[in-house]
Amino acid sequence: MKFGTFYFFQATPGQRHADIIRGELDQIEWTEELGFDEIWLTEHHFIEYGLSVDPAALASAAASRTRRIRIGLAAAILPFHHPLRLAEQMALVDIISRGRLDVGVGRGNRPACATGASVKASNPRVNKWRMEIFMVFRNKPVKN
């Protein structure tokens, strides 16, 4: 059995966003020190409580502050990312983390995710992009 923690980077009323982000990153370090196996990061857009708008940046920050725990994304929201760019970012984070990255992708769980990205969450493009990302990591050519 593995144990992990989940980080939303929640914007608590009355706290500065910079303080919240730094505090969450400090907690990620403590997670490793306390012997947990993994951390999970979210991606949120267009909501008041979610400050985790860039999964690659947060995962890189977590990787630079830890040495052992796995770093998971739950999930990178595809309507906000070009699939090849996301694949490149995730490959770079995986290198920075020395192979500790686990990546989940999704279409978002709120209508605001799709609305803010000017794409319908059920758009076939999301499924196409998901397959393109998998093809990149399997070293297969991607067709337009």
Protein backbone atom coordinates (compact mmCIF):
# COMPACT_ATOMS: atom_id res chain seq x y z
CA MET A 1 0.00 0.00 0.00
CA LYS A 2 1.23 3.51 -0.85
CA PHE A 3 0.36 6.72 0.97
CA GLY A 4 0.22 10.18 -0.51
CA THR A 5 -1.13 13.67 -0.11
CA PHE A 6 -3.20 15.79 -2.47
CA TYR A 7 -2.54 19.50 -3.02
CA PHE A 8 -5.16 21.93 -4.31
CA PHE A 9 -3.22 25.13 -3.55
CA GLN A 10 -6.46 26.50 -2.13
CA ALA A 11 -6.84 30.28 -1.93
CA THR A 12 -7.90 30.74 1.67
CA PRO A 13 -9.69 34.09 2.18
CA GLY A 14 -7.46 36.68 3.80
CA GLN A 15 -4.19 35.02 2.81
CA ARG A 16 -1.84 36.23 0.10
CA HIS A 17 -1.60 33.87 -2.86
CA ALA A 18 2.21 33.92 -2.71
CA ASP A 19 2.10 32.79 0.93
CA ILE A 20 -0.31 29.97 0.10
CA ILE A 21 1.84 28.69 -2.76
CA ARG A 22 5.03 28.82 -0.67
CA GLY A 23 3.24 27.12 2.24
CA GLU A 24 1.96 24.29 0.06
CA LEU A 25 5.45 23.74 -1.38
CA ASP A 26 6.82 23.61 2.17
CA GLN A 27 4.20 20.98 3.02
CA ILE A 28 5.32 18.93 0.03
CA GLU A 29 8.82 18.82 1.54
CA TRP A 30 7.34 17.75 4.90
CA THR A 31 5.37 15.03 3.12
CA GLU A 32 8.62 13.46 2.01
CA GLU A 33 10.26 13.95 5.42
CA LEU A 34 7.32 12.18 7.08
CA GLY A 35 7.75 9.14 4.85
CA PHE A 36 4.82 9.47 2.46
CA ASP A 37 5.22 7.84 -0.95
CA GLU A 38 3.67 10.38 -3.30
CA ILE A 39 2.10 13.76 -3.78
CA TRP A 40 -0.69 14.65 -6.19
CA LEU A 41 -1.20 18.06 -7.77
CA THR A 42 -4.30 19.44 -9.41
CA GLU A 43 -4.89 21.94 -12.19
CA HIS A 44 -7.65 24.53 -11.80
CA HIS A 45 -8.71 27.56 -13.82
CA PHE A 46 -11.38 30.21 -13.41
CA ILE A 47 -12.25 29.36 -9.81
CA GLU A 48 -11.50 31.31 -6.68
CA TYR A 49 -10.02 28.55 -4.58
CA GLY A 50 -7.59 26.96 -7.01
CA LEU A 51 -4.15 28.49 -7.47
CA SER A 52 -2.70 25.48 -9.29
CA VAL A 53 -2.87 26.88 -12.81
CA ASP A 54 0.39 25.42 -14.15
CA PRO A 55 0.95 21.73 -13.41
CA ALA A 56 4.40 21.60 -15.02
CA ALA A 57 5.70 24.51 -12.96
CA LEU A 58 4.32 23.10 -9.72
CA ALA A 59 5.63 19.60 -10.45
CA SER A 60 9.07 21.06 -11.24
CA ALA A 61 9.04 23.01 -7.99
CA ALA A 62 8.06 19.87 -6.08
CA ALA A 63 10.78 17.87 -7.84
CA SER A 64 13.43 20.44 -6.95
CA ARG A 65 12.43 20.31 -3.26
CA THR A 66 12.24 16.52 -2.90
CA ARG A 67 14.35 13.49 -3.78
CA ARG A 68 12.25 10.37 -3.24
CA ILE A 69 8.48 10.82 -3.41
CA ARG A 70 6.60 10.33 -6.66
CA ILE A 71 4.91 13.39 -8.14
CA GLY A 72 1.50 12.90 -9.71
CA LEU A 73 -0.70 15.19 -11.78
CA ALA A 74 -4.40 14.63 -11.31
CA ALA A 75 -4.95 15.81 -13.98
CA ALA A 76 -3.50 18.06 -16.68
CA ILE A 77 -6.59 19.65 -18.24
CA LEU A 78 -6.28 19.06 -21.98
CA PRO A 79 -8.37 21.98 -23.27
CA PHE A 80 -5.70 24.30 -21.85
CA HIS A 81 -2.71 22.57 -23.44
CA HIS A 82 -1.49 21.71 -26.90
CA PRO A 83 -0.75 17.97 -26.75
CA LEU A 84 2.81 18.14 -28.06
CA ARG A 85 3.69 21.07 -25.82
CA LEU A 86 2.24 19.24 -22.81
CA ALA A 87 4.19 16.10 -23.73
CA GLU A 88 7.40 18.15 -23.94
CA GLN A 89 6.73 19.79 -20.59
CA MET A 90 5.98 16.48 -18.90
CA ALA A 91 9.12 14.91 -20.39
CA LEU A 92 11.19 17.79 -19.00
CA VAL A 93 9.60 17.51 -15.56
CA ASP A 94 10.22 13.77 -15.63
CA ILE A 95 13.91 14.44 -16.29
CA ILE A 96 14.08 17.09 -13.54
CA SER A 97 12.39 14.69 -11.11
CA ARG A 98 14.66 11.79 -12.14
CA GLY A 99 11.76 9.68 -13.33
CA ARG A 100 9.32 10.32 -10.49
CA LEU A 101 6.47 11.88 -12.50
CA ASP A 102 3.04 10.26 -12.97
CA VAL A 103 0.73 12.07 -15.37
CA GLY A 104 -3.04 12.01 -15.57
CA VAL A 105 -4.94 13.96 -18.23
CA GLY A 106 -8.56 14.98 -18.41
CA ARG A 107 -11.02 17.39 -19.90
CA GLY A 108 -11.83 19.26 -16.69
CA ASN A 109 -14.65 18.70 -14.25
CA ARG A 110 -16.37 22.07 -14.38
CA PRO A 111 -18.06 23.92 -17.25
CA ALA A 112 -15.84 26.93 -16.49
CA CYS A 113 -12.81 24.87 -17.53
CA ALA A 114 -14.15 24.44 -21.03
CA THR A 115 -15.70 27.91 -21.24
CA GLY A 116 -12.49 29.62 -20.18
CA ALA A 117 -10.52 27.66 -22.76
CA SER A 118 -13.10 28.38 -25.49
CA VAL A 119 -13.60 24.68 -26.14
CA LYS A 120 -16.39 22.27 -25.36
CA ALA A 121 -15.33 19.68 -22.77
CA SER A 122 -16.92 16.96 -24.92
CA ASN A 123 -15.06 18.18 -28.00
CA PRO A 124 -13.51 15.26 -29.97
CA ARG A 125 -10.28 17.29 -29.98
CA VAL A 126 -9.75 16.38 -26.32
CA ASN A 127 -9.78 12.65 -27.10
CA LYS A 128 -7.56 13.17 -30.14
CA TRP A 129 -5.03 15.11 -28.06
CA ARG A 130 -5.03 12.44 -25.36
CA MET A 131 -4.09 9.84 -27.97
CA GLU A 132 -1.42 12.12 -29.47
CA ILE A 133 0.25 12.51 -26.06
CA PHE A 134 0.35 8.74 -25.61
CA MET A 135 1.78 8.31 -29.11
CA VAL A 136 4.57 10.81 -28.39
CA PHE A 137 5.64 8.84 -25.33
CA ARG A 138 5.55 5.61 -27.31
CA ASN A 139 7.87 7.18 -29.95
CA LYS A 140 5.23 6.94 -32.66
CA PRO A 141 4.65 9.69 -35.25
CA VAL A 142 1.72 12.03 -34.69
CA LYS A 143 -0.40 12.93 -37.73
CA ASN A 144 -2.31 16.19 -38.04
